[in-house]
Structure formats: C-alpha cells, structure tokens
C-alpha atoms as a PDB file:
ATOM      1  CA  MET A   1      22.932  19.911 135.549  1.00  0.00           C
ATOM      2  CA  GLU A   2      22.791  20.062 139.339  1.00  0.00           C
ATOM      3  CA  GLY A   3      26.170  20.342 140.991  1.00  0.00           C
ATOM      4  CA  PRO A   4      27.881  21.490 144.153  1.00  0.00           C
ATOM      5  CA  ALA A   5      27.791  25.218 144.729  1.00  0.00           C
ATOM      6  CA  LEU A   6      31.097  27.002 145.037  1.00  0.00           C
ATOM      7  CA  ASN A   7      31.458  30.088 147.185  1.00  0.00           C
ATOM      8  CA  THR A   8      33.462  32.607 145.181  1.00  0.00           C
ATOM      9  CA  THR A   9      33.289  35.392 147.767  1.00  0.00           C
ATOM     10  CA  THR A  10      36.165  36.786 149.758  1.00  0.00           C
ATOM     11  CA  PRO A  11      37.257  34.282 152.423  1.00  0.00           C
ATOM     12  CA  GLU A  12      36.111  34.760 155.984  1.00  0.00           C
ATOM     13  CA  THR A  13      38.186  34.051 159.055  1.00  0.00           C
ATOM     14  CA  LYS A  14      35.361  32.606 161.159  1.00  0.00           C
ATOM     15  CA  ALA A  15      35.523  28.981 162.180  1.00  0.00           C
ATOM     16  CA  GLY A  16      34.299  26.734 159.408  1.00  0.00           C
ATOM     17  CA  GLN A  17      34.666  29.435 156.754  1.00  0.00           C
ATOM     18  CA  ALA A  18      37.244  29.513 153.969  1.00  0.00           C
ATOM     19  CA  THR A  19      40.674  30.767 154.983  1.00  0.00           C
ATOM     20  CA  VAL A  20      41.888  31.618 151.482  1.00  0.00           C
ATOM     21  CA  ALA A  21      40.386  32.520 148.140  1.00  0.00           C
ATOM     22  CA  GLY A  22      41.239  30.288 145.261  1.00  0.00           C
ATOM     23  CA  PRO A  23      42.366  28.514 143.371  1.00  0.00           C
ATOM     24  CA  ARG A  24      42.986  31.528 141.252  1.00  0.00           C
ATOM     25  CA  PRO A  25      41.466  32.445 138.920  1.00  0.00           C
ATOM     26  CA  LEU A  26      38.523  30.423 140.263  1.00  0.00           C
ATOM     27  CA  PRO A  27      36.088  31.386 137.469  1.00  0.00           C
ATOM     28  CA  LEU A  28      38.586  30.025 134.905  1.00  0.00           C
ATOM     29  CA  HIS A  29      38.920  26.713 136.764  1.00  0.00           C
ATOM     30  CA  ILE A  30      35.138  26.385 136.995  1.00  0.00           C
ATOM     31  CA  ALA A  31      34.749  27.243 133.307  1.00  0.00           C
ATOM     32  CA  LEU A  32      37.309  24.624 132.283  1.00  0.00           C
ATOM     33  CA  GLN A  33      35.617  21.905 134.325  1.00  0.00           C
ATOM     34  CA  THR A  34      32.232  22.799 132.836  1.00  0.00           C
ATOM     35  CA  LEU A  35      33.731  22.961 129.309  1.00  0.00           C
ATOM     36  CA  VAL A  36      34.926  19.371 129.611  1.00  0.00           C
ATOM     37  CA  TRP A  37      31.375  18.246 130.391  1.00  0.00           C
ATOM     38  CA  MET A  38      29.810  20.353 127.650  1.00  0.00           C
ATOM     39  CA  THR A  39      32.209  19.287 124.908  1.00  0.00           C
ATOM     40  CA  SER A  40      31.951  15.630 125.899  1.00  0.00           C
ATOM     41  CA  ARG A  41      28.154  15.833 125.759  1.00  0.00           C
ATOM     42  CA  ALA A  42      28.235  17.727 122.454  1.00  0.00           C
ATOM     43  CA  ALA A  43      30.517  15.155 120.806  1.00  0.00           C
ATOM     44  CA  LEU A  44      28.290  12.148 121.582  1.00  0.00           C
ATOM     45  CA  PRO A  45      25.999  12.372 118.520  1.00  0.00           C
ATOM     46  CA  HIS A  46      29.077  12.485 116.275  1.00  0.00           C
ATOM     47  CA  LEU A  47      30.830   9.537 117.875  1.00  0.00           C
ATOM     48  CA  ASN A  48      28.764   6.803 116.276  1.00  0.00           C
ATOM     49  CA  ASN A  49      28.330   8.350 112.840  1.00  0.00           C
ATOM     50  CA  GLY A  50      32.085   8.657 112.262  1.00  0.00           C
ATOM     51  CA  SER A  51      32.105  12.410 111.683  1.00  0.00           C
ATOM     52  CA  LEU A  52      34.609  13.180 114.449  1.00  0.00           C
ATOM     53  CA  PRO A  53      38.100  13.821 113.071  1.00  0.00           C
ATOM     54  CA  TRP A  54      40.661  11.493 114.613  1.00  0.00           C
ATOM     55  CA  ARG A  55      44.431  11.689 114.351  1.00  0.00           C
ATOM     56  CA  ALA A  56      46.005   8.763 112.535  1.00  0.00           C
ATOM     57  CA  ALA A  57      47.576   7.557 115.790  1.00  0.00           C
ATOM     58  CA  THR A  58      44.134   7.252 117.469  1.00  0.00           C
ATOM     59  CA  ALA A  59      41.956   6.299 114.470  1.00  0.00           C
ATOM     60  CA  GLU A  60      42.127   2.565 115.171  1.00  0.00           C
ATOM     61  CA  ASP A  61      41.189   3.085 118.830  1.00  0.00           C
ATOM     62  CA  ALA A  62      38.293   5.272 117.689  1.00  0.00           C
ATOM     63  CA  ARG A  63      37.008   2.536 115.377  1.00  0.00           C
ATOM     64  CA  ALA A  64      37.254   0.024 118.208  1.00  0.00           C
ATOM     65  CA  LEU A  65      35.357   2.375 120.508  1.00  0.00           C
ATOM     66  CA  ARG A  66      32.601   2.824 117.890  1.00  0.00           C
ATOM     67  CA  ASP A  67      32.382  -0.961 117.541  1.00  0.00           C
ATOM     68  CA  ASP A  68      32.149  -1.373 121.328  1.00  0.00           C
ATOM     69  CA  LEU A  69      29.358   1.216 121.529  1.00  0.00           C
ATOM     70  CA  GLU A  70      27.419  -0.144 118.570  1.00  0.00           C
ATOM     71  CA  ASN A  71      24.882  -1.996 120.732  1.00  0.00           C
ATOM     72  CA  VAL A  72      24.780   0.535 123.568  1.00  0.00           C
ATOM     73  CA  ASP A  73      21.645   2.627 123.951  1.00  0.00           C
ATOM     74  CA  PRO A  74      22.636   6.257 123.090  1.00  0.00           C
ATOM     75  CA  GLU A  75      20.486   7.703 125.896  1.00  0.00           C
ATOM     76  CA  GLU A  76      21.994   5.373 128.497  1.00  0.00           C
ATOM     77  CA  PHE A  77      25.476   6.257 127.262  1.00  0.00           C
ATOM     78  CA  ALA A  78      24.676   9.988 127.431  1.00  0.00           C
ATOM     79  CA  ASP A  79      23.359   9.494 130.977  1.00  0.00           C
ATOM     80  CA  ALA A  80      26.615   7.731 131.870  1.00  0.00           C
ATOM     81  CA  VAL A  81      28.666  10.612 130.425  1.00  0.00           C
ATOM     82  CA  ASP A  82      26.560  13.074 132.435  1.00  0.00           C
ATOM     83  CA  ALA A  83      26.996  11.008 135.591  1.00  0.00           C
ATOM     84  CA  GLU A  84      30.760  10.923 135.105  1.00  0.00           C
ATOM     85  CA  ALA A  85      30.840  14.684 134.473  1.00  0.00           C
ATOM     86  CA  ARG A  86      28.861  15.277 137.676  1.00  0.00           C
ATOM     87  CA  ARG A  87      31.270  13.008 139.574  1.00  0.00           C
ATOM     88  CA  ARG A  88      34.253  14.965 138.254  1.00  0.00           C
ATOM     89  CA  LEU A  89      32.670  18.354 138.954  1.00  0.00           C
ATOM     90  CA  ASP A  90      31.834  17.203 142.485  1.00  0.00           C
ATOM     91  CA  ALA A  91      35.425  16.001 143.014  1.00  0.00           C
ATOM     92  CA  PHE A  92      36.643  19.388 141.696  1.00  0.00           C
ATOM     93  CA  ALA A  93      34.312  21.253 144.098  1.00  0.00           C
ATOM     94  CA  ARG A  94      35.515  19.109 147.038  1.00  0.00           C
ATOM     95  CA  GLY A  95      39.100  19.884 146.070  1.00  0.00           C
ATOM     96  CA  VAL A  96      38.403  23.624 145.908  1.00  0.00           C
ATOM     97  CA  ARG A  97      36.680  23.459 149.296  1.00  0.00           C
ATOM     98  CA  ALA A  98      39.643  21.568 150.803  1.00  0.00           C
ATOM     99  CA  TYR A  99      42.079  24.066 149.272  1.00  0.00           C
ATOM    100  CA  ARG A 100      40.163  27.037 150.599  1.00  0.00           C
ATOM    101  CA  HIS A 101      39.717  25.577 154.115  1.00  0.00           C
ATOM    102  CA  HIS A 102      43.252  24.246 154.510  1.00  0.00           C
ATOM    103  CA  PRO A 103      44.876  25.693 157.639  1.00  0.00           C
ATOM    104  CA  ARG A 104      47.591  28.026 156.424  1.00  0.00           C
ATOM    105  CA  ARG A 105      50.706  28.375 158.494  1.00  0.00           C
ATOM    106  CA  THR A 106      52.596  31.614 158.197  1.00  0.00           C
ATOM    107  CA  PRO A 107      56.330  31.362 158.713  1.00  0.00           C
ATOM    108  CA  THR A 108      57.543  32.562 162.089  1.00  0.00           C
ATOM    109  CA  SER A 109      60.481  34.367 160.489  1.00  0.00           C
ATOM    110  CA  GLN A 110      61.369  35.678 157.087  1.00  0.00           C
ATOM    111  CA  PRO A 111      63.956  33.732 155.068  1.00  0.00           C
ATOM    112  CA  THR A 112      67.496  35.067 154.861  1.00  0.00           C
ATOM    113  CA  VAL A 113      68.307  37.129 151.784  1.00  0.00           C
ATOM    114  CA  VAL A 114      71.314  35.351 150.264  1.00  0.00           C
ATOM    115  CA  TRP A 115      71.728  37.571 147.217  1.00  0.00           C
ATOM    116  CA  GLU A 116      70.006  40.705 145.913  1.00  0.00           C
ATOM    117  CA  GLN A 117      70.283  42.774 142.745  1.00  0.00           C
ATOM    118  CA  GLY A 118      67.687  45.388 141.783  1.00  0.00           C
ATOM    119  CA  SER A 119      64.235  43.970 142.468  1.00  0.00           C
ATOM    120  CA  THR A 120      65.473  40.343 142.435  1.00  0.00           C
ATOM    121  CA  ARG A 121      66.275  38.478 145.648  1.00  0.00           C
ATOM    122  CA  LEU A 122      67.479  34.969 146.333  1.00  0.00           C
ATOM    123  CA  LEU A 123      65.968  33.713 149.608  1.00  0.00           C
ATOM    124  CA  ASP A 124      67.231  30.820 151.722  1.00  0.00           C
ATOM    125  CA  TYR A 125      64.303  28.564 152.701  1.00  0.00           C
ATOM    126  CA  GLY A 126      66.657  25.804 153.873  1.00  0.00           C
ATOM    127  CA  GLU A 127      66.769  24.097 157.221  1.00  0.00           C
ATOM    128  CA  PRO A 128      67.211  26.503 160.152  1.00  0.00           C
ATOM    129  CA  ASP A 129      70.624  25.064 161.044  1.00  0.00           C
ATOM    130  CA  THR A 130      72.101  25.292 157.521  1.00  0.00           C
ATOM    131  CA  VAL A 131      74.389  28.134 156.581  1.00  0.00           C
ATOM    132  CA  ALA A 132      73.878  29.739 153.187  1.00  0.00           C
ATOM    133  CA  THR A 133      76.606  31.638 151.401  1.00  0.00           C
ATOM    134  CA  ALA A 134      76.162  34.320 148.779  1.00  0.00           C
ATOM    135  CA  PRO A 135      77.410  33.699 145.251  1.00  0.00           C
ATOM    136  CA  PRO A 136      80.768  35.338 144.413  1.00  0.00           C
END
C-alpha cells in the first residue's frame, strides 16, 4: 500500500523543517494506524460467511450489514476498504506533519511555585495579574 512518508528523524530548526519530534512514540502511532488497515482487510473474507464472533449487542447489526453486502462485489468492497484506509493513513500523516511543524512558543517566564514538597511542585499558570496563595 502506497502512503505518505513520515520523517522520523530528529527535528531540524531550518525553515520548513519540523520543529518538534512526535507524536511520541511515533513508531507506536504508525503501527496502530497500520494495524487498523491490516485487521480490517484481514476480516473481510470472514464478514460474509458469518464466522466473525459478534457480541450479542451487535449481532443484529452484523446480520443487517451482511444482508446489505450480499450483492456487493467482494473485490470492489475490498478496494473501498483499502481506499478508506489510505485516506485515514494520509489524514494521520498530515496530522503528524502539522504537529511537528507547529510553531512552538516558549513561555517568557517560568510559572510561580505555589507549593513544593520533596520533588513535587504546584505551579501557577494563571493569568499574569492573578495572585495565587499557597495552601495552609
């Protein structure tokens, strides 16, 4: 299946290059998207012969789906599933690209530490003109 290539290298800071790596872990996200396509494609032969196990709550919908697909050419349906998978993988790749190229803004100042104990801190990210008070 042809699909959009994803750059999984460390982000560059040059114009037009990714500003951040991610989403993390990127290989897991790619694997999950591909798994959806593969399992959908693998289930197609079992859809019409009734060998897929359905929960009682969805069994009636499954029978209706089988009835609706009874006169549909299996190859055309498989092609439609592949086309939808490619559309979703492409949308995923566009989302990753947008995420990685989004202009990040670093805060001009660090938030105020409102409370601290050991390695735990409570930070105030409120409006600049609000006053935070520490817990008693």
